[in-house]
Protein backbone atom coordinates (compact mmCIF):
# COMPACT_ATOMS: atom_id res chain seq x y z
CA MET A 1 -11.31 26.84 32.03
CA GLY A 2 -10.33 24.86 34.43
CA MET A 3 -7.17 21.96 34.11
CA LYS A 4 -10.21 19.16 34.58
CA ALA A 5 -12.26 20.57 31.58
CA ARG A 6 -9.47 21.03 29.36
CA SER A 7 -8.42 17.58 30.06
CA SER A 8 -11.73 16.58 29.13
CA LEU A 9 -11.92 18.76 26.05
CA VAL A 10 -8.48 17.34 24.73
CA PHE A 11 -9.62 14.10 25.59
CA ALA A 12 -12.97 14.47 23.71
CA THR A 13 -10.89 15.90 20.51
CA LEU A 14 -8.89 12.59 20.90
CA LEU A 15 -11.77 10.14 20.79
CA LEU A 16 -13.16 12.09 17.60
CA LEU A 17 -9.97 11.77 15.77
CA VAL A 18 -9.18 8.12 16.61
CA LEU A 19 -12.92 7.60 15.53
CA ASN A 20 -12.37 9.34 12.05
CA ILE A 21 -9.22 7.73 11.44
CA TYR A 22 -9.08 4.19 12.88
CA PRO A 23 -11.44 1.63 11.81
CA THR A 24 -14.76 0.77 13.54
CA LEU A 25 -16.83 -2.54 13.23
CA GLY A 26 -18.74 -3.50 10.20
CA GLU A 27 -19.74 -6.10 7.92
CA LEU A 28 -17.63 -6.87 5.00
CA LYS A 29 -19.85 -6.63 2.19
CA LEU A 30 -17.15 -6.30 -0.84
CA VAL A 31 -13.95 -6.35 -1.67
CA ILE A 32 -12.22 -4.27 -5.00
CA GLN A 33 -8.87 -5.74 -5.60
CA PHE A 34 -6.05 -3.99 -7.86
CA ASN A 35 -2.39 -5.38 -8.55
CA ARG A 36 -0.15 -4.54 -10.64
CA HIS A 37 1.56 -7.52 -12.61
CA GLY A 38 4.71 -9.12 -11.60
CA ALA A 39 8.09 -8.90 -12.32
CA ARG A 40 8.48 -8.29 -16.33
CA GLY A 41 11.16 -8.20 -18.84
CA PRO A 42 12.32 -4.38 -20.09
CA ILE A 43 9.82 -2.28 -22.09
CA TYR A 44 12.62 0.65 -22.80
CA ASP A 45 15.36 0.64 -25.14
CA LEU A 46 18.14 1.22 -23.14
CA PRO A 47 21.73 -0.84 -23.15
CA ASP A 48 20.93 -3.22 -20.19
CA ARG A 49 18.37 -4.85 -22.50
CA GLU A 50 21.67 -7.00 -24.08
CA TYR A 51 20.12 -9.47 -20.98
CA TRP A 52 16.68 -10.41 -22.48
CA ASN A 53 15.32 -11.65 -25.22
CA GLN A 54 11.58 -11.22 -24.12
CA PHE A 55 11.03 -7.76 -23.74
CA GLY A 56 7.72 -6.93 -21.29
CA GLN A 57 6.71 -10.28 -20.85
CA LEU A 58 5.83 -11.86 -17.45
CA THR A 59 8.91 -13.64 -15.85
CA PRO A 60 8.83 -16.75 -13.27
CA VAL A 61 9.69 -14.49 -10.52
CA GLY A 62 6.62 -12.54 -11.43
CA MET A 63 4.31 -15.39 -11.79
CA ARG A 64 5.44 -16.25 -8.17
CA GLN A 65 5.25 -12.67 -6.62
CA LEU A 66 1.42 -13.02 -7.85
CA TYR A 67 0.73 -16.65 -6.83
CA LEU A 68 1.98 -15.29 -3.19
CA LEU A 69 -0.35 -12.44 -3.29
CA GLY A 70 -3.28 -14.67 -4.35
CA ALA A 71 -1.95 -16.94 -1.02
CA GLN A 72 -2.24 -14.58 1.07
CA LEU A 73 -5.66 -13.03 -0.30
CA ARG A 74 -6.67 -16.46 0.41
CA GLN A 75 -5.43 -16.78 4.03
CA ARG A 76 -6.66 -13.12 4.77
CA TYR A 77 -10.08 -13.43 3.15
CA ILE A 78 -11.12 -16.93 3.06
CA ILE A 79 -9.53 -18.98 5.79
CA ASP A 80 -9.30 -16.22 8.45
CA GLN A 81 -12.15 -13.77 7.67
CA LYS A 82 -14.20 -16.87 5.88
CA PHE A 83 -15.67 -13.81 3.65
CA LEU A 84 -14.92 -15.72 0.33
CA PRO A 85 -16.04 -19.47 -0.25
CA GLU A 86 -13.85 -22.17 -0.02
CA LYS A 87 -15.03 -23.32 -3.48
CA TYR A 88 -14.64 -20.86 -6.62
CA ASN A 89 -18.03 -19.58 -7.14
CA PRO A 90 -18.85 -17.58 -10.65
CA ASP A 91 -21.67 -15.12 -8.87
CA VAL A 92 -19.01 -14.38 -6.28
CA ILE A 93 -16.07 -13.48 -8.24
CA PHE A 94 -15.38 -11.38 -10.90
CA VAL A 95 -11.39 -10.63 -12.09
CA ARG A 96 -10.77 -8.17 -15.18
CA SER A 97 -7.36 -7.92 -16.61
CA THR A 98 -6.25 -5.38 -19.28
CA ALA A 99 -5.93 -7.08 -22.74
CA VAL A 100 -1.93 -7.76 -22.09
CA ASN A 101 0.09 -10.63 -21.78
CA ARG A 102 1.93 -9.64 -18.58
CA THR A 103 -1.46 -8.72 -16.46
CA ILE A 104 -3.70 -11.57 -18.12
CA MET A 105 -0.90 -13.75 -16.83
CA SER A 106 -0.37 -12.34 -13.66
CA ALA A 107 -4.40 -12.59 -12.94
CA MET A 108 -4.12 -16.64 -13.69
CA SER A 109 -0.83 -16.60 -10.96
CA LEU A 110 -2.82 -14.54 -8.41
CA LEU A 111 -5.76 -17.06 -8.92
CA TYR A 112 -3.59 -19.87 -8.69
CA GLY A 113 -2.93 -18.80 -5.17
CA LEU A 114 -6.55 -17.56 -4.01
CA TYR A 115 -7.76 -21.17 -5.38
CA PRO A 116 -4.96 -23.50 -5.58
CA ILE A 117 -4.49 -27.34 -6.13
CA GLY A 118 -6.89 -29.32 -4.36
CA THR A 119 -9.89 -26.99 -4.69
CA GLY A 120 -11.05 -27.59 -7.85
CA PRO A 121 -14.17 -30.22 -8.79
CA ASP A 122 -14.99 -33.64 -8.71
CA LEU A 123 -17.12 -35.30 -11.67
CA PRO A 124 -20.28 -36.12 -10.28
CA GLU A 125 -20.62 -39.09 -7.89
CA GLY A 126 -21.02 -42.51 -10.14
CA TYR A 127 -20.29 -40.35 -13.15
CA PRO A 128 -19.10 -42.59 -16.30
CA LYS A 129 -15.69 -41.53 -16.82
CA GLU A 130 -15.61 -42.88 -20.51
CA ARG A 131 -18.26 -40.55 -21.45
CA ALA A 132 -16.29 -37.41 -20.05
CA VAL A 133 -14.06 -37.14 -23.34
CA PRO A 134 -13.51 -35.22 -26.52
CA PRO A 135 -15.24 -36.55 -29.63
CA ILE A 136 -11.86 -37.69 -31.30
CA ASN A 137 -9.87 -40.70 -31.40
CA PHE A 138 -6.90 -40.46 -28.19
CA GLN A 139 -4.57 -42.20 -26.30
CA VAL A 140 -4.49 -40.23 -22.97
CA ASP A 141 -4.84 -42.26 -19.89
CA ILE A 142 -7.56 -41.16 -18.10
CA GLU A 143 -7.55 -43.46 -15.23
CA SER A 144 -5.00 -41.58 -13.62
CA LEU A 145 -7.49 -38.50 -13.11
CA GLY A 146 -9.72 -40.46 -10.78
CA ASP A 147 -12.80 -38.75 -10.04
CA ASN A 148 -10.78 -35.17 -10.48
CA ALA A 149 -12.44 -32.87 -13.43
CA LEU A 150 -8.74 -31.61 -13.85
CA PRO A 151 -5.32 -33.14 -12.61
CA ASN A 152 -4.78 -32.40 -9.03
CA LYS A 153 -8.38 -30.81 -8.62
CA PHE A 154 -7.03 -27.48 -10.50
CA GLN A 155 -9.80 -24.93 -10.74
CA PRO A 156 -9.69 -22.71 -13.57
CA VAL A 157 -10.96 -18.94 -12.88
CA PRO A 158 -12.03 -16.84 -16.10
CA VAL A 159 -10.28 -13.62 -16.59
CA HIS A 160 -12.16 -10.82 -18.33
CA MET A 161 -10.80 -8.45 -20.62
CA THR A 162 -11.86 -5.39 -23.26
CA LYS A 163 -10.14 -4.40 -26.54
CA ILE A 164 -6.78 -2.95 -25.24
CA ASN A 165 -7.50 0.62 -27.11
CA LYS A 166 -11.35 1.05 -25.86
CA ASP A 167 -10.17 0.14 -22.20
CA TYR A 168 -11.45 3.18 -20.37
CA GLU A 169 -11.54 1.91 -17.05
CA LEU A 170 -7.90 0.31 -16.94
CA ARG A 171 -5.82 2.52 -19.35
CA ALA A 172 -7.74 5.63 -19.96
CA TYR A 173 -4.05 7.42 -19.34
CA ASP A 174 -2.86 5.71 -22.86
CA ALA A 175 -2.86 7.73 -26.12
CA ASP A 176 -3.96 4.78 -27.96
CA VAL A 177 -7.36 4.86 -25.74
CA CYS A 178 -7.76 8.80 -25.35
CA PRO A 179 -5.88 10.61 -27.65
CA LYS A 180 -6.32 13.53 -25.67
CA ALA A 181 -3.78 12.07 -23.75
CA THR A 182 -0.99 13.14 -25.69
CA GLU A 183 -2.07 16.90 -25.51
CA LEU A 184 -2.63 17.27 -21.78
CA ALA A 185 0.89 15.71 -21.21
CA GLU A 186 2.32 18.21 -23.54
CA LYS A 187 1.09 21.00 -21.47
CA THR A 188 2.68 19.75 -18.26
CA TYR A 189 5.76 18.93 -20.00
CA ASN A 190 6.67 22.54 -20.87
CA SER A 191 5.13 23.77 -17.08
CA ASP A 192 7.27 25.47 -14.63
CA ASP A 193 6.90 22.61 -12.64
CA PHE A 194 9.05 20.41 -15.12
CA LYS A 195 11.53 22.92 -15.19
CA LYS A 196 11.88 22.55 -11.19
CA ILE A 197 12.09 18.37 -11.72
CA ASP A 198 14.78 18.38 -14.04
CA ALA A 199 16.83 21.25 -12.21
CA ALA A 200 16.47 19.06 -9.04
CA PHE A 201 17.86 16.36 -10.45
CA LYS A 202 20.30 18.26 -13.04
CA ASP A 203 23.46 17.08 -11.07
CA LEU A 204 22.88 13.31 -11.14
CA TYR A 205 22.82 13.49 -15.30
CA PRO A 206 26.79 12.81 -15.58
CA GLU A 207 26.82 9.97 -13.19
CA LEU A 208 23.58 8.28 -15.24
CA ALA A 209 25.29 9.01 -18.67
CA ASN A 210 28.35 7.55 -17.41
CA ALA A 211 26.55 4.60 -15.56
CA PHE A 212 24.58 3.82 -19.20
CA GLY A 213 27.27 4.50 -21.41
CA ILE A 214 25.07 7.60 -23.15
CA PRO A 215 25.70 10.91 -24.08
CA VAL A 216 25.00 13.13 -20.91
CA GLU A 217 22.61 15.57 -23.09
CA LYS A 218 20.41 12.44 -23.54
CA VAL A 219 19.68 12.08 -19.94
CA ASN A 220 16.67 13.75 -18.87
CA PRO A 221 13.90 13.35 -16.27
CA PHE A 222 12.13 10.85 -18.91
CA MET A 223 15.23 8.83 -19.30
CA GLY A 224 15.83 8.75 -15.37
CA GLN A 225 12.61 7.20 -15.22
CA GLN A 226 13.75 4.70 -17.89
CA MET A 227 16.74 4.05 -16.53
CA MET A 228 15.12 3.10 -13.30
CA ASP A 229 12.20 1.01 -14.48
CA ASN A 230 15.32 -1.41 -16.24
CA LEU A 231 17.32 -1.08 -13.01
CA LEU A 232 14.35 -2.75 -11.05
CA VAL A 233 13.85 -5.04 -13.87
CA ASP A 234 17.50 -6.20 -13.95
CA TYR A 235 17.30 -6.23 -9.92
CA MET A 236 14.31 -8.48 -9.71
CA ALA A 237 16.12 -10.95 -12.08
CA ASP A 238 19.21 -10.96 -10.35
CA LYS A 239 21.15 -9.42 -13.52
CA PRO A 240 23.93 -6.99 -13.41
CA LEU A 241 23.26 -3.46 -12.38
CA LYS A 242 24.88 -0.69 -13.82
CA ILE A 243 24.16 1.43 -10.65
CA ALA A 244 24.80 -0.49 -7.02
CA TYR A 245 21.48 -1.39 -5.70
CA LYS A 246 20.50 0.98 -2.74
CA SER A 247 23.69 3.11 -3.34
CA ASP A 248 23.23 7.43 -3.01
CA LEU A 249 22.50 7.47 -6.62
CA TRP A 250 20.36 4.28 -6.71
CA LYS A 251 18.54 6.39 -3.79
CA LYS A 252 18.09 9.75 -5.69
CA LEU A 253 17.42 8.20 -9.07
CA TYR A 254 14.45 5.94 -7.45
CA MET A 255 13.16 9.18 -6.15
CA LEU A 256 13.12 10.62 -9.58
CA TYR A 257 11.10 7.40 -10.72
CA ASN A 258 8.87 7.62 -8.20
CA ILE A 259 8.07 11.57 -9.10
CA MET A 260 7.99 10.91 -12.59
CA MET A 261 5.76 7.98 -12.56
CA ILE A 262 2.98 10.21 -11.45
CA TYR A 263 4.15 13.48 -13.40
CA SER A 264 4.62 11.96 -16.42
CA PRO A 265 1.29 10.09 -17.22
CA TYR A 266 -0.73 12.45 -15.17
CA ALA A 267 0.41 15.76 -13.57
CA SER A 268 -2.12 17.45 -13.34
CA GLU A 269 -5.80 17.17 -11.60
CA GLU A 270 -7.60 17.27 -15.02
CA GLN A 271 -5.81 14.37 -16.19
CA GLN A 272 -6.02 12.56 -13.23
CA ASN A 273 -9.62 13.62 -13.14
CA LEU A 274 -10.40 12.35 -16.61
CA PHE A 275 -8.32 9.09 -16.70
CA THR A 276 -10.37 7.63 -13.54
CA THR A 277 -14.07 8.83 -14.53
CA LYS A 278 -14.70 5.51 -16.49
CA LEU A 279 -13.30 3.69 -13.68
CA TYR A 280 -14.78 5.08 -10.74
CA ALA A 281 -18.10 4.54 -12.41
CA ASP A 282 -17.08 1.25 -12.64
CA ILE A 283 -16.57 0.49 -9.26
CA LEU A 284 -19.73 2.28 -7.61
CA LYS A 285 -21.49 -0.16 -10.24
CA TYR A 286 -20.31 -2.96 -8.25
CA ILE A 287 -20.94 -1.32 -4.83
CA THR A 288 -24.57 -0.06 -5.96
CA ALA A 289 -24.98 -3.76 -6.92
CA ALA A 290 -23.59 -5.23 -3.48
CA GLN A 291 -26.11 -2.30 -1.53
CA LYS A 292 -29.10 -4.39 -3.95
CA GLY A 293 -28.22 -7.83 -2.42
CA SER A 294 -25.65 -8.60 -5.51
CA PRO A 295 -24.01 -12.17 -4.56
CA LEU A 296 -20.56 -10.62 -5.95
CA LYS A 297 -18.34 -10.23 -3.43
CA TRP A 298 -15.22 -9.90 -5.32
CA VAL A 299 -13.79 -7.89 -8.16
CA THR A 300 -10.03 -8.04 -9.11
CA TYR A 301 -8.47 -5.43 -11.35
CA SER A 302 -5.20 -6.74 -12.63
CA ALA A 303 -3.56 -4.01 -14.31
CA HIS A 304 -0.31 -1.79 -14.52
CA ASP A 305 1.74 0.44 -12.24
CA THR A 306 0.47 3.56 -14.19
CA THR A 307 -3.21 2.53 -13.38
CA LEU A 308 -2.42 2.19 -9.26
CA ASN A 309 -0.18 5.23 -9.04
CA LEU A 310 -3.33 6.77 -10.76
CA VAL A 311 -5.66 5.97 -8.27
CA ILE A 312 -3.27 6.68 -5.26
CA ALA A 313 -2.62 10.15 -6.77
CA GLN A 314 -6.10 10.98 -7.74
CA LEU A 315 -7.40 9.76 -3.81
CA LYS A 316 -4.09 12.19 -2.83
CA VAL A 317 -2.50 9.05 -1.09
CA THR A 318 0.75 10.23 -2.48
CA GLY A 319 1.58 12.90 -4.95
CA TRP A 320 4.58 14.11 -7.21
CA SER A 321 4.82 17.39 -5.79
CA CYS A 322 4.98 15.52 -2.28
CA LEU A 323 7.58 13.33 -3.33
CA LEU A 324 9.83 16.20 -4.75
CA SER A 325 9.42 18.40 -1.54
CA ASN A 326 10.89 15.51 0.18
CA TYR A 327 13.34 15.20 -1.96
CA LEU A 328 14.61 18.85 -1.82
CA GLU A 329 14.74 18.38 1.85
CA GLY A 330 17.17 15.75 2.05
CA ARG A 331 14.50 12.99 2.49
CA TYR A 332 14.93 10.31 -0.20
CA ASP A 333 15.39 6.86 1.90
CA TYR A 334 12.09 6.41 2.53
CA PHE A 335 8.50 8.43 2.21
CA TYR A 336 7.48 11.30 4.38
CA GLY A 337 3.59 11.66 4.03
CA CYS A 338 3.61 10.40 0.67
CA PRO A 339 4.16 6.81 -0.04
CA PHE A 340 6.59 5.50 -3.49
CA VAL A 341 4.69 4.43 -6.79
CA SER A 342 3.49 0.89 -7.22
CA LEU A 343 6.32 -2.06 -7.60
CA PHE A 344 6.03 -5.43 -9.40
CA SER A 345 2.88 -7.54 -7.72
CA SER A 346 1.54 -4.19 -5.84
CA SER A 347 -1.84 -4.03 -4.56
CA ILE A 348 -4.60 -1.77 -3.96
CA ILE A 349 -7.45 -3.28 -1.96
CA LEU A 350 -10.75 -1.04 -1.40
CA GLU A 351 -13.16 -3.20 1.16
CA VAL A 352 -16.58 -1.86 1.45
CA HIS A 353 -18.41 -2.48 4.59
CA SER A 354 -21.63 -2.04 6.41
CA ASP A 355 -22.38 -1.46 10.11
CA ASP A 356 -25.02 -2.54 12.32
CA LYS A 357 -27.09 0.65 11.46
CA GLY A 358 -26.84 -0.21 7.62
CA ALA A 359 -24.53 2.90 6.96
CA TRP A 360 -22.39 1.78 4.34
CA PHE A 361 -18.44 2.82 4.35
CA LEU A 362 -15.00 2.10 2.69
CA ARG A 363 -11.21 1.16 4.06
CA PHE A 364 -8.52 1.72 1.51
CA PHE A 365 -5.27 -0.04 1.60
CA TYR A 366 -2.34 0.18 -0.31
CA GLU A 367 0.80 -2.56 0.20
CA ASP A 368 -1.57 -4.22 3.14
CA LYS A 369 -1.30 -0.75 4.85
CA GLN A 370 -4.74 1.41 5.52
CA TYR A 371 -4.71 4.74 4.64
CA ALA A 372 -7.00 7.92 4.97
CA VAL A 373 -8.90 9.52 1.91
CA ALA A 374 -10.20 12.63 2.35
CA GLY A 375 -8.63 12.80 6.22
CA LEU A 376 -10.86 9.55 7.01
CA GLY A 377 -9.96 5.87 7.47
CA ASP A 378 -13.28 4.57 7.43
CA ILE A 379 -14.80 6.63 4.45
CA PRO A 380 -18.47 7.01 4.63
CA LEU A 381 -20.15 5.67 1.29
CA GLU A 382 -21.80 8.79 0.43
CA LYS A 383 -18.29 10.90 1.22
CA PHE A 384 -16.77 8.76 -1.46
CA LYS A 385 -19.57 9.31 -4.02
CA GLU A 386 -19.07 12.91 -3.47
CA ILE A 387 -15.61 12.69 -3.97
CA VAL A 388 -16.39 10.74 -7.28
CA ALA A 389 -19.03 13.07 -8.18
CA ALA A 390 -16.48 16.00 -7.82
CA SER A 391 -13.92 14.26 -10.35
CA ALA A 392 -15.75 12.93 -12.33
CA VAL A 393 -15.75 14.39 -16.16
CA ALA A 394 -19.39 14.69 -17.52
CA ASN A 395 -18.04 15.16 -21.17
CA PHE A 396 -15.77 12.14 -21.34
CA ASP A 397 -16.33 11.24 -24.82
CA GLU A 398 -14.98 14.82 -26.24
CA ALA A 399 -12.53 14.61 -23.27
CA CYS A 400 -10.73 11.58 -24.13
CA LEU A 401 -11.72 11.21 -27.64
CA GLY A 402 -11.41 15.04 -29.12
CA PRO A 403 -14.61 16.33 -30.52
CA PRO A 404 -17.42 14.57 -32.20
CA THR A 405 -17.05 14.06 -36.25
CA PRO A 406 -19.66 16.62 -37.68
CA THR A 407 -22.73 14.72 -38.90
CA ASN A 408 -25.75 16.14 -41.25
CA ASN A 409 -28.89 15.59 -40.11
CA GLY A 410 -29.28 12.09 -40.17
CA GLY A 411 -26.35 11.46 -38.15
CA ILE A 412 -23.69 10.30 -40.67
CA PRO A 413 -20.60 11.63 -40.20
CA THR A 414 -19.65 14.38 -42.92
CA TRP A 415 -16.71 13.05 -43.95
CA LYS A 416 -18.32 9.68 -44.81
CA ILE A 417 -20.75 11.44 -46.79
CA ALA A 418 -18.12 13.76 -48.71
CA THR A 419 -16.33 10.08 -49.70
CA LEU A 420 -19.55 8.78 -50.81
CA THR A 421 -20.10 11.24 -53.14
CA ILE A 422 -17.18 11.45 -54.68
CA LEU A 423 -16.98 7.49 -55.16
CA GLY A 424 -20.33 7.80 -56.91
CA VAL A 425 -19.30 10.31 -59.07
CA ALA A 426 -16.39 8.53 -60.23
CA VAL A 427 -18.51 5.71 -60.62
CA LEU A 428 -20.87 7.58 -62.66
CA GLY A 429 -18.03 8.95 -64.81
CA LEU A 430 -16.64 5.41 -65.42
CA ALA A 431 -19.90 3.93 -66.51
CA GLY A 432 -20.06 6.57 -69.01
CA VAL A 433 -16.66 6.06 -70.47
CA VAL A 434 -17.48 2.31 -70.69
CA GLY A 435 -20.97 2.95 -71.89
CA TYR A 436 -19.60 5.31 -74.65
CA LEU A 437 -16.42 2.89 -75.38
CA VAL A 438 -18.87 -0.22 -76.26
CA TYR A 439 -21.10 2.38 -78.13
CA SER A 440 -18.09 3.14 -80.39
CA LEU A 441 -17.45 -0.51 -80.82
CA LYS A 442 -20.75 -1.34 -81.91
CA LYS A 443 -21.02 1.81 -84.28
CA ARG A 444 -17.66 0.56 -86.15
CA ASP A 445 -19.14 -3.28 -86.16
CA SER A 446 -22.07 -2.18 -87.60
CA GLU A 447 -20.33 0.44 -90.46
CA ARG A 448 -18.02 -2.40 -91.54
CA GLU A 449 -21.29 -4.63 -91.72
CA ARG A 450 -22.43 -1.88 -94.48
CA LEU A 451 -19.40 -1.51 -96.47
CA ALA A 452 -18.94 -5.33 -96.31
């Protein structure tokens, strides 16, 4: 092959690579956005909890983080791209949160940035303001409202949620939602992989024990994860730190934290596939609706680090084994081929596009950077469906909740039948005793009357 032919072949190969990895033009149809809640109080019982009185609650710093994220999304999708309407439209936007205070308040803060003061509605022109009042006696000044429905034209946006122990989309990794999660996790905790993680960081344990004032025998990868979580909480709150920020020990502990944030709840593909089954089905539902012309353009999931980390791990954007390899090779200042797990107010964006030929494709963004999924920057929708189908657990209920309760032919659980039978026998027995007592008393009274 001549030099010119080889050059042409190299150029063609590079062109194909670029076309596969980098975005092509297309019309944006739907945005599915995940965010982790903002900075919160601590959730682990370690000595530095002495600084706090509201454990696990969203802090003012966290509110500000999500407001600014919402403001940036407004700039990108409302002002620059003109994708979302200037005014809130309930047919266009749907917001879902887990039933936890910090995620609900984070969703509200984000929406305040997406639709800020001044975007809310006015009363209809000429509407009699004295009619827009509650049916009570009150002394509130209504004239200062002017025509605004709410002060300063504030725009409320509804946030939807489901019962926390039934949240199979956003919290399937939680044992309260999927009882089988505990059993699956115990398998990974007793594995050689876990021993490898423990051995890699064992030399840190004496320093960590000294920093937190706890016995060294209590330090392990799980405790290290909790220590770093509390350090990040204290850092965001500008509290005193038990380990110097960005010191060598901090960086190494942060690597352990990143590894364990994936390994601890869902180290195996079996876990990752199970815990994303219902979530991916939910996402495909919205994409299918968009293909059929639904007016819905935006879905927000306000959730947790364990939700976002699950998505980036299951889609192979990052992984605990990649992070561990980097650490063992002395690379722990920043990621090499596998990004770190989500921080407070981190965001994932899944953009759904269609091109001028009617082909639909997806783009995946994490922390505002586009990542390839299955080696593709623009992921054909059919390819994404293949990924979802390959990972979906068909018998989800049994895999999540355990084997179904045995039932009789009528579909009534056997334990209920047994319980009702025992109760029935007890009631009949009690009725017999009462009947006998009544009969005995009547017989005694009758005998007394005969002898009187």
